[in-house]
């Protein structure tokens, strides 16, 4: 047997390939990778099920798109609170234990969504889902980052992020099956019921995933750490820069992805089932964008990825929403739109983890990533509100372009390159 290090990696002298991070992992590292990516996959499925059901919920619950956009925003805001709390808890009670708690919370939230009888009950259920959703996302990213070699961390985070696109694909499949076999009144409830499936992942994590050694060692040296350490002089630049960066990243993402399904139906006049190929093309672009963004961030650095993808995403969104394209052109353009709209996320998660020392990494990543959700999460509501006075395409592009512009400026002016940072400190 080859010797392994405490981070869960094997010393491998393979070519610098896109899969190098996985070849270097030992069995425990790979179990951690699959647990984290499975959780993020199901997070993506749970989140995307709601935007797909917006048109149906308007009729089923007697509400309007603005109110439902507000629920999406509330879900994202609660996910920010969940991420802050879970990040702090992961520094105190452990990454793996916190991950299990957050998965249970968002599974219960999805189950409650399926049983909701009115808009108030649905709002409460989605708020609970958001708390667990945000917490799991923050802790899983930190956990994975601590078992991956520094030189290939971007690629690992790229594949981790790409699992979110797999979750979107699962959501589309669930939607297609439900609406093809059930009446709309039952279809949306079954969709949310399927969203409770992540609870089963807890059993796998309990039996197969161990706490990263770097986190155990850090807690043994300093058992109790204040959440407010991330605002100390040593950490304040990282906290502010990371927060601004994620506000732009999350704002653009939510403004676009929440409303694209409704844009296809209301402005392009494409039905729910007929829109599936368009959304699958978009999701396929997202998957490749996540993977490519991770590889590029390892090769060229995090800053270059932020600059390139934010500029390209802004151009793609404008073309997709404003040019008079044929249906065939819309279908083809979905791929580059998805590719550029999410490619920076792989660099983002690697970069945030590299900004903070181990003892405050959970709190730091939890706060900065979810500060983006707290502010960027308002954009689905604001897009819905603005769409009442202008076209949905204009509302989407205004908030998406503003967000991508913020990513570009922060990366250009404030961000220090973090590629290759040692996370054992």
Protein backbone atom coordinates (compact mmCIF):
# COMPACT_ATOMS: atom_id res chain seq x y z
CA UNK A 1 0.00 0.00 0.00
CA UNK A 2 1.19 3.51 -0.77
CA UNK A 3 1.57 5.91 2.12
CA UNK A 4 -1.06 8.61 2.52
CA UNK A 5 -0.83 11.98 4.14
CA UNK A 6 -3.19 13.36 6.77
CA UNK A 7 -5.14 15.41 4.23
CA UNK A 8 -6.42 12.25 2.58
CA UNK A 9 -4.22 12.38 -0.52
CA UNK A 10 -1.70 10.08 -2.15
CA UNK A 11 1.65 11.24 -3.54
CA UNK A 12 1.06 10.72 -7.26
CA UNK A 13 3.32 11.84 -10.10
CA UNK A 14 0.67 11.93 -12.80
CA UNK A 15 0.43 14.45 -15.63
CA UNK A 16 -1.33 17.68 -14.70
CA UNK A 17 -4.76 16.47 -15.85
CA UNK A 18 -8.25 17.64 -15.03
CA UNK A 19 -8.78 14.50 -12.90
CA UNK A 20 -5.50 14.73 -11.01
CA UNK A 21 -7.16 15.76 -7.75
CA UNK A 22 -9.14 12.49 -7.67
CA UNK A 23 -6.15 10.28 -8.49
CA UNK A 24 -4.28 11.82 -5.56
CA UNK A 25 -7.07 11.08 -3.06
CA UNK A 26 -7.05 8.02 -0.81
CA UNK A 27 -10.24 6.07 -0.08
CA UNK A 28 -11.32 8.39 2.73
CA UNK A 29 -10.71 11.47 0.62
CA UNK A 30 -12.82 10.02 -2.18
CA UNK A 31 -15.67 9.21 0.21
CA UNK A 32 -15.56 12.81 1.39
CA UNK A 33 -15.63 14.01 -2.22
CA UNK A 34 -18.69 11.92 -3.08
CA UNK A 35 -20.54 12.87 0.10
CA UNK A 36 -19.96 16.58 -0.51
CA UNK A 37 -20.85 16.44 -4.20
CA UNK A 38 -23.96 14.33 -3.54
CA UNK A 39 -25.15 16.89 -1.00
CA UNK A 40 -24.52 19.77 -3.41
CA UNK A 41 -26.32 17.85 -6.20
CA UNK A 42 -29.42 17.49 -4.08
CA UNK A 43 -29.14 21.11 -2.97
CA UNK A 44 -29.24 22.12 -6.62
CA UNK A 45 -32.24 19.90 -7.28
CA UNK A 46 -34.15 21.28 -4.31
CA UNK A 47 -33.51 24.89 -5.25
CA UNK A 48 -34.34 24.49 -8.95
CA UNK A 49 -37.62 22.66 -8.31
CA UNK A 50 -39.20 25.88 -7.08
CA UNK A 51 -38.41 28.12 -10.09
CA UNK A 52 -39.69 25.34 -12.34
CA UNK A 53 -42.99 25.31 -10.44
CA UNK A 54 -43.55 29.10 -10.30
CA UNK A 55 -46.04 29.17 -13.20
CA UNK A 56 -48.09 26.34 -11.65
CA UNK A 57 -47.99 27.78 -8.13
CA UNK A 58 -49.51 31.05 -9.35
CA UNK A 59 -52.72 29.16 -10.17
CA UNK A 60 -52.56 26.45 -7.50
CA UNK A 61 -52.16 28.85 -4.57
CA UNK A 62 -53.88 31.90 -6.06
CA UNK A 63 -50.81 34.15 -5.95
CA UNK A 64 -48.63 36.12 -8.38
CA UNK A 65 -45.04 35.95 -9.75
CA UNK A 66 -43.89 38.86 -7.57
CA UNK A 67 -44.89 37.02 -4.38
CA UNK A 68 -43.22 33.82 -5.53
CA UNK A 69 -40.09 35.73 -6.49
CA UNK A 70 -40.18 37.08 -2.94
CA UNK A 71 -40.27 33.53 -1.58
CA UNK A 72 -37.18 32.69 -3.63
CA UNK A 73 -35.47 35.74 -2.20
CA UNK A 74 -36.53 34.76 1.35
CA UNK A 75 -35.19 31.25 0.77
CA UNK A 76 -31.85 32.64 -0.31
CA UNK A 77 -31.75 35.12 2.59
CA UNK A 78 -32.44 32.30 5.04
CA UNK A 79 -29.73 30.28 3.35
CA UNK A 80 -27.36 33.13 4.14
CA UNK A 81 -28.29 32.95 7.81
CA UNK A 82 -27.93 29.17 7.70
CA UNK A 83 -24.52 29.46 6.09
CA UNK A 84 -23.28 31.92 8.70
CA UNK A 85 -24.48 29.73 11.55
CA UNK A 86 -23.29 26.45 10.04
CA UNK A 87 -19.88 27.87 9.21
CA UNK A 88 -19.43 28.95 12.81
CA UNK A 89 -20.72 25.61 14.16
CA UNK A 90 -18.37 23.68 11.89
CA UNK A 91 -15.43 25.44 13.56
CA UNK A 92 -16.84 24.50 16.99
CA UNK A 93 -18.42 21.03 16.69
CA UNK A 94 -16.88 19.76 13.43
CA UNK A 95 -17.47 19.86 9.69
CA UNK A 96 -19.06 16.42 9.31
CA UNK A 97 -21.50 16.70 12.22
CA UNK A 98 -22.67 20.11 11.02
CA UNK A 99 -23.13 18.79 7.49
CA UNK A 100 -25.52 16.10 8.72
CA UNK A 101 -27.60 18.61 10.68
CA UNK A 102 -27.97 20.95 7.71
CA UNK A 103 -28.98 18.15 5.31
CA UNK A 104 -31.72 17.08 7.72
CA UNK A 105 -33.04 20.65 7.96
CA UNK A 106 -33.37 21.24 4.22
CA UNK A 107 -34.93 17.81 3.69
CA UNK A 108 -37.61 18.65 6.27
CA UNK A 109 -38.15 22.01 4.54
CA UNK A 110 -38.76 20.32 1.19
CA UNK A 111 -41.18 17.83 2.73
CA UNK A 112 -43.10 20.67 4.39
CA UNK A 113 -43.22 22.50 1.03
CA UNK A 114 -44.96 19.50 -0.52
CA UNK A 115 -47.62 19.56 2.23
CA UNK A 116 -48.23 23.34 2.21
CA UNK A 117 -51.90 24.33 1.93
CA UNK A 118 -51.44 28.07 1.37
CA UNK A 119 -48.83 30.67 0.52
CA UNK A 120 -47.96 31.35 4.18
CA UNK A 121 -47.19 27.71 4.90
CA UNK A 122 -45.14 27.46 1.73
CA UNK A 123 -43.17 30.56 2.72
CA UNK A 124 -42.29 29.09 6.14
CA UNK A 125 -41.31 25.76 4.60
CA UNK A 126 -39.03 27.38 2.03
CA UNK A 127 -37.43 29.50 4.76
CA UNK A 128 -36.54 26.32 6.68
CA UNK A 129 -35.22 24.74 3.49
CA UNK A 130 -33.05 27.81 2.93
CA UNK A 131 -31.44 27.56 6.37
CA UNK A 132 -30.36 23.97 5.74
CA UNK A 133 -29.49 24.59 2.10
CA UNK A 134 -27.13 27.47 2.92
CA UNK A 135 -25.53 25.65 5.82
CA UNK A 136 -24.79 22.50 3.85
CA UNK A 137 -23.28 24.44 0.96
CA UNK A 138 -20.84 26.33 3.17
CA UNK A 139 -19.70 23.36 5.24
CA UNK A 140 -19.36 20.88 2.37
CA UNK A 141 -17.12 23.26 0.42
CA UNK A 142 -14.85 23.78 3.42
CA UNK A 143 -14.71 20.05 4.16
CA UNK A 144 -13.73 19.14 0.62
CA UNK A 145 -11.16 21.91 0.36
CA UNK A 146 -9.36 20.51 3.41
CA UNK A 147 -8.81 17.04 1.90
CA UNK A 148 -7.51 18.18 -1.52
CA UNK A 149 -3.93 19.00 -2.52
CA UNK A 150 -3.34 22.73 -3.01
CA UNK A 151 -2.17 22.43 -6.61
CA UNK A 152 -5.41 20.82 -7.77
CA UNK A 153 -7.93 22.44 -5.42
CA UNK A 154 -9.57 24.42 -8.22
CA UNK A 155 -10.29 21.27 -10.20
CA UNK A 156 -11.78 19.52 -7.17
CA UNK A 157 -14.01 22.50 -6.47
CA UNK A 158 -14.90 22.60 -10.17
CA UNK A 159 -16.26 19.06 -10.09
CA UNK A 160 -17.92 19.78 -6.74
CA UNK A 161 -19.67 22.82 -8.21
CA UNK A 162 -20.59 20.92 -11.38
CA UNK A 163 -22.71 18.58 -9.27
CA UNK A 164 -25.08 21.51 -8.76
CA UNK A 165 -25.79 21.43 -12.50
CA UNK A 166 -26.49 17.70 -12.17
CA UNK A 167 -29.05 18.64 -9.51
CA UNK A 168 -30.72 21.03 -11.95
CA UNK A 169 -30.88 18.25 -14.51
CA UNK A 170 -32.50 15.97 -11.94
CA UNK A 171 -35.02 18.71 -11.17
CA UNK A 172 -35.94 18.95 -14.86
CA UNK A 173 -36.36 15.19 -15.09
CA UNK A 174 -38.53 15.17 -11.96
CA UNK A 175 -40.62 18.01 -13.39
CA UNK A 176 -41.05 16.32 -16.76
CA UNK A 177 -42.15 13.03 -15.19
CA UNK A 178 -44.51 14.70 -12.72
CA UNK A 179 -46.24 16.94 -15.27
CA UNK A 180 -46.44 14.13 -17.83
CA UNK A 181 -48.14 11.74 -15.40
CA UNK A 182 -50.01 13.95 -12.91
CA UNK A 183 -52.34 16.92 -12.94
CA UNK A 184 -50.64 20.25 -12.12
CA UNK A 185 -52.28 20.36 -8.66
CA UNK A 186 -50.50 17.16 -7.68
CA UNK A 187 -47.39 17.49 -9.82
CA UNK A 188 -45.80 20.35 -7.87
CA UNK A 189 -46.41 18.59 -4.56
CA UNK A 190 -44.74 15.39 -5.74
CA UNK A 191 -41.81 17.46 -7.05
CA UNK A 192 -41.21 18.93 -3.60
CA UNK A 193 -41.73 15.51 -1.99
CA UNK A 194 -38.87 14.13 -4.09
CA UNK A 195 -36.82 17.06 -2.81
CA UNK A 196 -36.85 15.49 0.66
CA UNK A 197 -34.64 12.62 -0.59
CA UNK A 198 -31.37 14.18 0.69
CA UNK A 199 -32.22 12.94 4.20
CA UNK A 200 -31.01 9.50 3.05
CA UNK A 201 -27.52 10.94 2.49
CA UNK A 202 -27.09 11.39 6.24
CA UNK A 203 -26.71 7.63 6.73
CA UNK A 204 -23.86 7.48 4.20
CA UNK A 205 -22.05 10.40 5.83
CA UNK A 206 -22.36 8.95 9.34
CA UNK A 207 -20.76 5.68 8.25
CA UNK A 208 -18.21 6.78 5.67
CA UNK A 209 -16.99 10.36 6.17
CA UNK A 210 -14.41 11.43 8.75
CA UNK A 211 -13.51 14.88 9.99
CA UNK A 212 -10.57 16.43 8.04
CA UNK A 213 -7.33 16.12 10.01
CA UNK A 214 -6.42 19.78 9.55
CA UNK A 215 -9.71 20.79 11.23
CA UNK A 216 -9.21 18.34 14.11
CA UNK A 217 -5.69 19.60 14.71
CA UNK A 218 -6.78 23.25 14.64
CA UNK A 219 -9.57 22.63 17.19
CA UNK A 220 -7.19 20.74 19.49
CA UNK A 221 -4.87 23.76 19.59
CA UNK A 222 -7.66 26.33 20.05
CA UNK A 223 -10.98 24.76 21.13
CA UNK A 224 -13.11 27.93 21.20
CA UNK A 225 -13.01 30.68 18.59
CA UNK A 226 -15.25 33.72 18.37
CA UNK A 227 -17.21 34.21 15.16
CA UNK A 228 -16.06 37.84 15.20
CA UNK A 229 -12.46 36.79 14.57
CA UNK A 230 -13.21 37.14 10.86
CA UNK A 231 -13.44 40.91 11.45
CA UNK A 232 -10.03 41.12 13.12
CA UNK A 233 -7.37 43.20 11.33
CA UNK A 234 -5.76 39.97 10.06
CA UNK A 235 -8.99 38.83 8.39
CA UNK A 236 -11.01 41.95 7.60
CA UNK A 237 -9.64 42.42 4.06
CA UNK A 238 -10.47 38.81 3.18
CA UNK A 239 -13.94 39.15 4.72
CA UNK A 240 -14.82 42.35 2.84
CA UNK A 241 -13.29 41.29 -0.49
CA UNK A 242 -14.86 37.84 -0.33
CA UNK A 243 -18.26 39.32 0.54
CA UNK A 244 -18.25 41.80 -2.34
CA UNK A 245 -17.07 39.13 -4.76
CA UNK A 246 -19.84 36.74 -3.78
CA UNK A 247 -22.51 39.46 -3.83
CA UNK A 248 -21.75 39.92 -7.52
CA UNK A 249 -21.41 36.20 -8.21
CA UNK A 250 -24.61 35.19 -6.41
CA UNK A 251 -26.63 38.18 -7.62
CA UNK A 252 -25.95 37.40 -11.28
CA UNK A 253 -26.64 33.72 -10.77
CA UNK A 254 -29.98 34.12 -9.01
CA UNK A 255 -31.23 36.92 -11.25
CA UNK A 256 -30.64 34.73 -14.29
CA UNK A 257 -31.33 31.16 -13.19
CA UNK A 258 -34.49 31.88 -11.18
CA UNK A 259 -36.25 33.57 -14.07
CA UNK A 260 -34.97 31.87 -17.24
CA UNK A 261 -37.71 29.17 -17.11
CA UNK A 262 -40.41 31.85 -16.83
CA UNK A 263 -38.70 33.98 -19.51
CA UNK A 264 -38.90 31.06 -21.95
CA UNK A 265 -42.60 30.59 -21.22
CA UNK A 266 -43.84 34.19 -20.98
CA UNK A 267 -41.74 35.93 -23.65
CA UNK A 268 -40.69 33.07 -25.91
CA UNK A 269 -44.09 31.29 -25.57
CA UNK A 270 -42.49 27.89 -24.95
CA UNK A 271 -44.55 25.48 -22.81
CA UNK A 272 -43.31 23.73 -19.66
CA UNK A 273 -42.51 20.45 -21.39
CA UNK A 274 -41.23 22.09 -24.58
CA UNK A 275 -38.82 24.22 -22.54
CA UNK A 276 -37.01 21.14 -21.20
CA UNK A 277 -34.47 20.89 -24.09
CA UNK A 278 -33.64 24.60 -23.74
CA UNK A 279 -33.03 24.25 -20.01
CA UNK A 280 -31.06 21.03 -20.43
CA UNK A 281 -28.77 22.78 -22.93
CA UNK A 282 -28.30 25.59 -20.41
CA UNK A 283 -27.55 23.08 -17.65
CA UNK A 284 -25.10 21.21 -19.89
CA UNK A 285 -23.22 24.46 -20.40
CA UNK A 286 -23.22 25.05 -16.65
CA UNK A 287 -21.74 21.61 -15.98
CA UNK A 288 -18.88 22.11 -18.42
CA UNK A 289 -18.42 25.69 -17.21
CA UNK A 290 -17.96 24.56 -13.61
CA UNK A 291 -15.38 21.93 -14.57
CA UNK A 292 -13.52 24.19 -16.99
CA UNK A 293 -13.51 27.07 -14.52
CA UNK A 294 -11.83 24.90 -11.89
CA UNK A 295 -9.16 23.67 -14.27
CA UNK A 296 -8.49 27.17 -15.60
CA UNK A 297 -8.23 28.58 -12.08
CA UNK A 298 -5.52 26.04 -11.23
CA UNK A 299 -3.65 26.81 -14.44
CA UNK A 300 -3.98 30.61 -14.71
CA UNK A 301 -5.09 31.70 -11.23
CA UNK A 302 -8.36 32.69 -9.58
CA UNK A 303 -8.32 36.38 -10.61
CA UNK A 304 -7.99 35.66 -14.33
CA UNK A 305 -11.00 33.32 -14.19
CA UNK A 306 -13.15 35.95 -12.45
CA UNK A 307 -12.24 38.61 -14.99
CA UNK A 308 -12.77 36.45 -18.08
CA UNK A 309 -15.99 34.70 -17.06
CA UNK A 310 -17.74 37.77 -15.63
CA UNK A 311 -17.15 39.74 -18.85
CA UNK A 312 -18.23 36.84 -21.06
CA UNK A 313 -21.30 36.15 -18.89
CA UNK A 314 -22.46 39.77 -19.19
CA UNK A 315 -22.26 39.60 -22.99
CA UNK A 316 -24.04 36.23 -23.13
CA UNK A 317 -26.94 37.36 -20.94
CA UNK A 318 -27.56 40.45 -23.05
CA UNK A 319 -27.51 38.47 -26.31
CA UNK A 320 -29.80 35.76 -24.93
CA UNK A 321 -32.42 38.16 -23.57
CA UNK A 322 -32.39 40.98 -26.14
CA UNK A 323 -31.43 39.84 -29.63
CA UNK A 324 -34.24 38.60 -31.94
CA UNK A 325 -33.10 34.97 -32.02
CA UNK A 326 -34.91 32.03 -33.59
CA UNK A 327 -35.89 29.09 -31.38
CA UNK A 328 -33.01 27.05 -32.79
CA UNK A 329 -30.55 29.84 -32.01
CA UNK A 330 -31.98 30.15 -28.49
CA UNK A 331 -31.44 26.44 -28.00
CA UNK A 332 -27.80 26.60 -29.13
CA UNK A 333 -27.03 29.79 -27.20
CA UNK A 334 -28.15 28.18 -23.96
CA UNK A 335 -24.87 26.27 -23.79
CA UNK A 336 -22.46 29.24 -23.80
CA UNK A 337 -24.87 31.17 -21.56
CA UNK A 338 -24.66 28.43 -18.91
CA UNK A 339 -20.91 27.97 -19.44
CA UNK A 340 -19.99 31.60 -18.84
CA UNK A 341 -22.66 32.32 -16.20
CA UNK A 342 -21.20 29.84 -13.69
CA UNK A 343 -17.57 29.25 -14.71
CA UNK A 344 -16.26 31.59 -12.02
CA UNK A 345 -17.94 29.61 -9.21
CA UNK A 346 -15.21 26.97 -9.10
CA UNK A 347 -12.57 29.65 -8.62
CA UNK A 348 -14.83 31.36 -6.08
CA UNK A 349 -15.11 28.41 -3.70
CA UNK A 350 -11.40 27.64 -3.92
CA UNK A 351 -10.52 31.30 -3.41
CA UNK A 352 -12.76 31.82 -0.37
CA UNK A 353 -11.31 28.77 1.38
CA UNK A 354 -7.78 29.97 0.62
CA UNK A 355 -8.42 33.41 2.13
CA UNK A 356 -8.85 32.20 5.72
CA UNK A 357 -6.78 30.30 8.29
CA UNK A 358 -8.09 26.87 9.31
CA UNK A 359 -9.41 27.90 12.71
CA UNK A 360 -11.74 30.54 11.23
CA UNK A 361 -12.23 29.02 7.79
CA UNK A 362 -15.72 27.71 8.45
CA UNK A 363 -16.90 31.07 9.80
CA UNK A 364 -15.06 33.01 7.09
CA UNK A 365 -16.34 31.01 4.14
CA UNK A 366 -19.80 30.72 5.70
CA UNK A 367 -20.04 34.49 6.13
CA UNK A 368 -18.55 35.66 2.84
CA UNK A 369 -20.30 33.13 0.62
CA UNK A 370 -23.62 33.78 2.29
CA UNK A 371 -23.20 37.54 2.39
CA UNK A 372 -23.48 37.12 -1.37
CA UNK A 373 -26.66 35.16 -0.88
CA UNK A 374 -28.08 37.72 1.54
CA UNK A 375 -27.72 40.57 -0.96
CA UNK A 376 -27.79 38.66 -4.23
CA UNK A 377 -30.78 36.74 -2.92
CA UNK A 378 -32.85 39.92 -3.15
CA UNK A 379 -32.46 39.91 -6.92
CA UNK A 380 -35.15 37.30 -7.73
CA UNK A 381 -37.67 39.49 -5.91
CA UNK A 382 -36.36 42.67 -7.52
CA UNK A 383 -36.46 41.10 -10.99
CA UNK A 384 -40.08 40.06 -10.39
CA UNK A 385 -40.97 43.52 -9.11
CA UNK A 386 -39.28 45.32 -12.00
CA UNK A 387 -40.91 42.97 -14.50
CA UNK A 388 -44.25 44.50 -13.48
CA UNK A 389 -43.18 47.77 -15.12
CA UNK A 390 -40.95 46.50 -17.95
CA UNK A 391 -40.24 43.27 -19.77
CA UNK A 392 -38.90 40.27 -17.89
CA UNK A 393 -35.92 40.12 -20.25
CA UNK A 394 -34.97 43.71 -19.38
CA UNK A 395 -35.36 43.06 -15.65
CA UNK A 396 -33.14 39.96 -15.83
CA UNK A 397 -30.41 41.69 -17.81
CA UNK A 398 -30.30 44.81 -15.61
CA UNK A 399 -29.59 42.87 -12.43
CA UNK A 400 -27.39 40.23 -14.05
CA UNK A 401 -25.15 42.78 -15.79
CA UNK A 402 -24.83 44.84 -12.60
CA UNK A 403 -23.74 41.72 -10.71
CA UNK A 404 -21.18 40.56 -13.26
CA UNK A 405 -19.78 44.08 -13.38
CA UNK A 406 -19.22 43.95 -9.62
CA UNK A 407 -17.33 40.65 -9.91
CA UNK A 408 -15.09 42.15 -12.59
CA UNK A 409 -14.28 45.30 -10.59
CA UNK A 410 -13.60 43.47 -7.31
CA UNK A 411 -11.33 40.94 -9.01
CA UNK A 412 -9.48 43.69 -10.86
CA UNK A 413 -9.04 46.14 -7.97
CA UNK A 414 -9.23 44.32 -4.61
CA UNK A 415 -8.50 40.62 -4.98
CA UNK A 416 -5.10 39.12 -4.22
CA UNK A 417 -4.23 35.88 -6.00
CA UNK A 418 -4.68 32.85 -3.70
CA UNK A 419 -3.82 29.98 -6.06
CA UNK A 420 -1.77 27.25 -4.36
CA UNK A 421 -2.34 28.41 -0.77
CA UNK A 422 -1.58 25.94 2.04
CA UNK A 423 -4.75 25.25 4.07
CA UNK A 424 -2.96 23.53 6.96
CA UNK A 425 -2.23 26.88 8.63
